[in-house]
Amino acid sequence: MEAGVLISAPPITASAAEFRAALPHGGVLLGIDTGTKTIGTATCDAGWRFATPGKPIPKGKFARDRAAIEGIVAERKVAGLVIGLPLNMDGSESPRSQSARAYARNLGVLGLPVLLWDERWSTASAERALIEQDISRARRVERIDSAAAATILQAAIDALAGSVL
């Protein structure tokens, strides 16, 4: 590396347009919902049309969580991350928001752009969808974080598709 040449890190942003600019050719995205006991995951197709829930990751030490996420990134050739940003109902940030931002910074070692996406109502929306599918309460508990991750990711890709440059 030449002296004085800075290599910019991929952005961590809440702006769909800025995230879109970091991914000029699209690509598979990984949606993440950090629940209290599990990390919900979802992926979308490279054309950003539909999000699909993935396997939840049991929450543990960050190094183990990161390794599991790295495995998904490598397997699916993920181009960027969409992480749920828990905001208060009035849109203000909370300690959980700061935790999500710290999680995004920690995942920066993956070298991927990160979009922090408002996740208000994502769990409620995912729960309603699982109920409509007649999923039992026990199965809903297993699937809720990944269903919420898919809800978050779908909202983000809908916005990204509308912000085509």
C-alpha atoms as a PDB file:
ATOM      1  CA  MET A   1       0.000   0.000   0.000  1.00  0.00           C
ATOM      2  CA  GLU A   2       1.348   3.437  -0.926  1.00  0.00           C
ATOM      3  CA  ALA A   3       1.987   5.895   1.862  1.00  0.00           C
ATOM      4  CA  GLY A   4      -0.858   8.374   2.168  1.00  0.00           C
ATOM      5  CA  VAL A   5      -3.362   6.221   0.230  1.00  0.00           C
ATOM      6  CA  LEU A   6      -6.458   5.515   2.254  1.00  0.00           C
ATOM      7  CA  ILE A   7      -8.620   2.531   1.516  1.00  0.00           C
ATOM      8  CA  SER A   8     -12.165   3.326   2.485  1.00  0.00           C
ATOM      9  CA  ALA A   9     -14.119   0.780   4.413  1.00  0.00           C
ATOM     10  CA  PRO A  10     -17.486  -0.291   3.027  1.00  0.00           C
ATOM     11  CA  PRO A  11     -20.233   1.984   4.332  1.00  0.00           C
ATOM     12  CA  ILE A  12     -22.467   1.342   7.307  1.00  0.00           C
ATOM     13  CA  THR A  13     -25.486   3.455   6.497  1.00  0.00           C
ATOM     14  CA  ALA A  14     -29.202   3.906   7.044  1.00  0.00           C
ATOM     15  CA  SER A  15     -29.554   5.359   3.526  1.00  0.00           C
ATOM     16  CA  ALA A  16     -30.882   3.016   0.837  1.00  0.00           C
ATOM     17  CA  ALA A  17     -29.360   5.240  -1.876  1.00  0.00           C
ATOM     18  CA  GLU A  18     -25.896   5.178  -0.284  1.00  0.00           C
ATOM     19  CA  PHE A  19     -26.078   1.404   0.189  1.00  0.00           C
ATOM     20  CA  ARG A  20     -27.288   1.003  -3.412  1.00  0.00           C
ATOM     21  CA  ALA A  21     -24.338   3.061  -4.653  1.00  0.00           C
ATOM     22  CA  ALA A  22     -21.973   0.704  -2.814  1.00  0.00           C
ATOM     23  CA  LEU A  23     -23.531  -2.215  -4.714  1.00  0.00           C
ATOM     24  CA  PRO A  24     -23.739  -1.002  -8.337  1.00  0.00           C
ATOM     25  CA  HIS A  25     -24.240  -4.519  -9.711  1.00  0.00           C
ATOM     26  CA  GLY A  26     -26.735  -5.807  -7.138  1.00  0.00           C
ATOM     27  CA  GLY A  27     -25.982  -9.184  -5.611  1.00  0.00           C
ATOM     28  CA  VAL A  28     -27.316 -11.451  -2.912  1.00  0.00           C
ATOM     29  CA  LEU A  29     -28.039  -9.683   0.371  1.00  0.00           C
ATOM     30  CA  LEU A  30     -28.141 -11.181   3.856  1.00  0.00           C
ATOM     31  CA  GLY A  31     -30.787  -9.844   6.221  1.00  0.00           C
ATOM     32  CA  ILE A  32     -30.080 -10.084   9.944  1.00  0.00           C
ATOM     33  CA  ASP A  33     -32.433  -9.670  12.897  1.00  0.00           C
ATOM     34  CA  THR A  34     -30.611  -9.849  16.212  1.00  0.00           C
ATOM     35  CA  GLY A  35     -33.141 -11.372  18.584  1.00  0.00           C
ATOM     36  CA  THR A  36     -32.532 -12.015  22.256  1.00  0.00           C
ATOM     37  CA  LYS A  37     -31.881 -15.756  21.883  1.00  0.00           C
ATOM     38  CA  THR A  38     -31.303 -16.216  18.176  1.00  0.00           C
ATOM     39  CA  ILE A  39     -30.072 -14.257  15.190  1.00  0.00           C
ATOM     40  CA  GLY A  40     -32.606 -14.430  12.409  1.00  0.00           C
ATOM     41  CA  THR A  41     -31.239 -14.655   8.884  1.00  0.00           C
ATOM     42  CA  ALA A  42     -32.744 -14.226   5.451  1.00  0.00           C
ATOM     43  CA  THR A  43     -31.314 -13.915   1.963  1.00  0.00           C
ATOM     44  CA  CYS A  44     -32.594 -12.453  -1.259  1.00  0.00           C
ATOM     45  CA  ASP A  45     -31.910 -13.215  -4.884  1.00  0.00           C
ATOM     46  CA  ALA A  46     -29.218 -11.214  -6.707  1.00  0.00           C
ATOM     47  CA  GLY A  47     -31.921  -9.225  -8.533  1.00  0.00           C
ATOM     48  CA  TRP A  48     -33.448  -8.025  -5.232  1.00  0.00           C
ATOM     49  CA  ARG A  49     -36.948  -9.347  -5.905  1.00  0.00           C
ATOM     50  CA  PHE A  50     -37.749 -11.594  -2.953  1.00  0.00           C
ATOM     51  CA  ALA A  51     -36.432 -12.373   0.515  1.00  0.00           C
ATOM     52  CA  THR A  52     -36.464 -15.862   1.990  1.00  0.00           C
ATOM     53  CA  PRO A  53     -36.039 -16.742   5.683  1.00  0.00           C
ATOM     54  CA  GLY A  54     -32.901 -18.713   6.502  1.00  0.00           C
ATOM     55  CA  LYS A  55     -31.750 -20.774   9.440  1.00  0.00           C
ATOM     56  CA  PRO A  56     -31.675 -18.968  12.762  1.00  0.00           C
ATOM     57  CA  ILE A  57     -28.309 -18.831  14.502  1.00  0.00           C
ATOM     58  CA  PRO A  58     -28.349 -19.538  18.254  1.00  0.00           C
ATOM     59  CA  LYS A  59     -26.964 -16.392  19.846  1.00  0.00           C
ATOM     60  CA  GLY A  60     -23.698 -16.891  21.675  1.00  0.00           C
ATOM     61  CA  LYS A  61     -20.286 -15.302  21.816  1.00  0.00           C
ATOM     62  CA  PHE A  62     -19.762 -12.843  18.981  1.00  0.00           C
ATOM     63  CA  ALA A  63     -16.842 -14.792  17.471  1.00  0.00           C
ATOM     64  CA  ARG A  64     -19.084 -17.829  17.032  1.00  0.00           C
ATOM     65  CA  ASP A  65     -21.955 -15.711  15.678  1.00  0.00           C
ATOM     66  CA  ARG A  66     -19.583 -14.008  13.208  1.00  0.00           C
ATOM     67  CA  ALA A  67     -18.236 -17.380  12.045  1.00  0.00           C
ATOM     68  CA  ALA A  68     -21.778 -18.586  11.327  1.00  0.00           C
ATOM     69  CA  ILE A  69     -22.549 -15.379   9.416  1.00  0.00           C
ATOM     70  CA  GLU A  70     -19.250 -15.682   7.512  1.00  0.00           C
ATOM     71  CA  GLY A  71     -20.314 -19.194   6.502  1.00  0.00           C
ATOM     72  CA  ILE A  72     -23.571 -17.877   5.028  1.00  0.00           C
ATOM     73  CA  VAL A  73     -21.716 -15.022   3.297  1.00  0.00           C
ATOM     74  CA  ALA A  74     -19.286 -17.461   1.675  1.00  0.00           C
ATOM     75  CA  GLU A  75     -21.920 -20.063   0.771  1.00  0.00           C
ATOM     76  CA  ARG A  76     -24.370 -17.596  -0.793  1.00  0.00           C
ATOM     77  CA  LYS A  77     -21.723 -15.156  -2.145  1.00  0.00           C
ATOM     78  CA  VAL A  78     -23.345 -12.304  -0.236  1.00  0.00           C
ATOM     79  CA  ALA A  79     -22.595  -8.783  -1.501  1.00  0.00           C
ATOM     80  CA  GLY A  80     -24.049  -6.787   1.410  1.00  0.00           C
ATOM     81  CA  LEU A  81     -25.754  -6.999   4.800  1.00  0.00           C
ATOM     82  CA  VAL A  82     -29.095  -5.549   5.902  1.00  0.00           C
ATOM     83  CA  ILE A  83     -29.301  -5.386   9.677  1.00  0.00           C
ATOM     84  CA  GLY A  84     -32.498  -4.573  11.541  1.00  0.00           C
ATOM     85  CA  LEU A  85     -32.268  -1.293  13.457  1.00  0.00           C
ATOM     86  CA  PRO A  86     -34.641  -1.326  16.439  1.00  0.00           C
ATOM     87  CA  LEU A  87     -36.099   2.156  16.803  1.00  0.00           C
ATOM     88  CA  ASN A  88     -38.636   3.446  19.292  1.00  0.00           C
ATOM     89  CA  MET A  89     -42.127   3.989  17.915  1.00  0.00           C
ATOM     90  CA  ASP A  90     -41.405   7.736  17.602  1.00  0.00           C
ATOM     91  CA  GLY A  91     -38.358   6.979  15.441  1.00  0.00           C
ATOM     92  CA  SER A  92     -35.806   7.806  18.112  1.00  0.00           C
ATOM     93  CA  GLU A  93     -32.949   5.486  18.971  1.00  0.00           C
ATOM     94  CA  SER A  94     -32.715   3.340  22.058  1.00  0.00           C
ATOM     95  CA  PRO A  95     -30.001   1.266  23.738  1.00  0.00           C
ATOM     96  CA  ARG A  96     -31.041  -1.610  21.437  1.00  0.00           C
ATOM     97  CA  SER A  97     -30.394   0.682  18.448  1.00  0.00           C
ATOM     98  CA  GLN A  98     -26.898   1.357  19.707  1.00  0.00           C
ATOM     99  CA  SER A  99     -26.390  -2.380  20.159  1.00  0.00           C
ATOM    100  CA  ALA A 100     -27.425  -2.984  16.518  1.00  0.00           C
ATOM    101  CA  ARG A 101     -25.007  -0.270  15.359  1.00  0.00           C
ATOM    102  CA  ALA A 102     -22.190  -1.875  17.379  1.00  0.00           C
ATOM    103  CA  TYR A 103     -23.087  -5.269  15.880  1.00  0.00           C
ATOM    104  CA  ALA A 104     -22.855  -3.728  12.390  1.00  0.00           C
ATOM    105  CA  ARG A 105     -19.458  -2.207  13.183  1.00  0.00           C
ATOM    106  CA  ASN A 106     -18.226  -5.563  14.505  1.00  0.00           C
ATOM    107  CA  LEU A 107     -19.374  -7.258  11.293  1.00  0.00           C
ATOM    108  CA  GLY A 108     -17.342  -4.674   9.373  1.00  0.00           C
ATOM    109  CA  VAL A 109     -14.468  -7.177   9.403  1.00  0.00           C
ATOM    110  CA  LEU A 110     -16.379  -9.016   6.664  1.00  0.00           C
ATOM    111  CA  GLY A 111     -15.650  -6.095   4.325  1.00  0.00           C
ATOM    112  CA  LEU A 112     -19.252  -5.772   3.115  1.00  0.00           C
ATOM    113  CA  PRO A 113     -21.475  -2.701   2.912  1.00  0.00           C
ATOM    114  CA  VAL A 114     -24.112  -2.636   5.670  1.00  0.00           C
ATOM    115  CA  LEU A 115     -27.583  -1.116   5.541  1.00  0.00           C
ATOM    116  CA  LEU A 116     -29.246  -0.470   8.895  1.00  0.00           C
ATOM    117  CA  TRP A 117     -32.978  -0.813   8.272  1.00  0.00           C
ATOM    118  CA  ASP A 118     -35.829   0.319  10.518  1.00  0.00           C
ATOM    119  CA  GLU A 119     -37.293  -2.843  11.973  1.00  0.00           C
ATOM    120  CA  ARG A 120     -40.326  -1.387  13.745  1.00  0.00           C
ATOM    121  CA  TRP A 121     -43.259  -3.779  13.308  1.00  0.00           C
ATOM    122  CA  SER A 122     -41.108  -6.454  11.625  1.00  0.00           C
ATOM    123  CA  THR A 123     -41.623  -9.041  14.375  1.00  0.00           C
ATOM    124  CA  ALA A 124     -45.357  -8.301  14.599  1.00  0.00           C
ATOM    125  CA  SER A 125     -45.672  -8.545  10.821  1.00  0.00           C
ATOM    126  CA  ALA A 126     -43.697 -11.802  10.731  1.00  0.00           C
ATOM    127  CA  GLU A 127     -45.787 -13.240  13.584  1.00  0.00           C
ATOM    128  CA  ARG A 128     -49.003 -12.362  11.762  1.00  0.00           C
ATOM    129  CA  ALA A 129     -47.732 -14.015   8.564  1.00  0.00           C
ATOM    130  CA  LEU A 130     -46.766 -17.196  10.451  1.00  0.00           C
ATOM    131  CA  ILE A 131     -50.192 -17.319  12.111  1.00  0.00           C
ATOM    132  CA  GLU A 132     -51.856 -16.901   8.703  1.00  0.00           C
ATOM    133  CA  GLN A 133     -49.822 -19.915   7.532  1.00  0.00           C
ATOM    134  CA  ASP A 134     -51.279 -21.853  10.486  1.00  0.00           C
ATOM    135  CA  ILE A 135     -47.838 -22.443  11.999  1.00  0.00           C
ATOM    136  CA  SER A 136     -48.068 -23.774  15.570  1.00  0.00           C
ATOM    137  CA  ARG A 137     -46.974 -21.560  18.460  1.00  0.00           C
ATOM    138  CA  ALA A 138     -43.923 -23.778  19.119  1.00  0.00           C
ATOM    139  CA  ARG A 139     -42.808 -23.590  15.466  1.00  0.00           C
ATOM    140  CA  ARG A 140     -43.416 -19.808  15.407  1.00  0.00           C
ATOM    141  CA  VAL A 141     -40.992 -19.400  18.322  1.00  0.00           C
ATOM    142  CA  GLU A 142     -38.346 -21.281  16.315  1.00  0.00           C
ATOM    143  CA  ARG A 143     -38.925 -19.282  13.144  1.00  0.00           C
ATOM    144  CA  ILE A 144     -39.838 -15.765  14.303  1.00  0.00           C
ATOM    145  CA  ASP A 145     -36.386 -14.133  14.130  1.00  0.00           C
ATOM    146  CA  SER A 146     -35.685 -15.446  10.625  1.00  0.00           C
ATOM    147  CA  ALA A 147     -39.206 -14.480   9.511  1.00  0.00           C
ATOM    148  CA  ALA A 148     -38.547 -10.992  10.923  1.00  0.00           C
ATOM    149  CA  ALA A 149     -35.189 -10.904   9.093  1.00  0.00           C
ATOM    150  CA  ALA A 150     -37.034 -11.719   5.847  1.00  0.00           C
ATOM    151  CA  THR A 151     -39.569  -8.945   6.554  1.00  0.00           C
ATOM    152  CA  ILE A 152     -36.743  -6.457   7.179  1.00  0.00           C
ATOM    153  CA  LEU A 153     -34.841  -7.586   4.087  1.00  0.00           C
ATOM    154  CA  GLN A 154     -37.940  -7.488   1.863  1.00  0.00           C
ATOM    155  CA  ALA A 155     -38.716  -3.911   2.931  1.00  0.00           C
ATOM    156  CA  ALA A 156     -35.106  -2.926   2.226  1.00  0.00           C
ATOM    157  CA  ILE A 157     -34.953  -4.542  -1.215  1.00  0.00           C
ATOM    158  CA  ASP A 158     -38.299  -2.976  -2.132  1.00  0.00           C
ATOM    159  CA  ALA A 159     -36.767   0.411  -1.291  1.00  0.00           C
ATOM    160  CA  LEU A 160     -33.508  -0.452  -3.087  1.00  0.00           C
ATOM    161  CA  ALA A 161     -35.357  -1.480  -6.228  1.00  0.00           C
ATOM    162  CA  GLY A 162     -37.074   1.908  -6.161  1.00  0.00           C
ATOM    163  CA  SER A 163     -33.747   3.719  -5.817  1.00  0.00           C
ATOM    164  CA  VAL A 164     -32.139   2.294  -8.957  1.00  0.00           C
ATOM    165  CA  LEU A 165     -29.570   4.820 -10.092  1.00  0.00           C
END
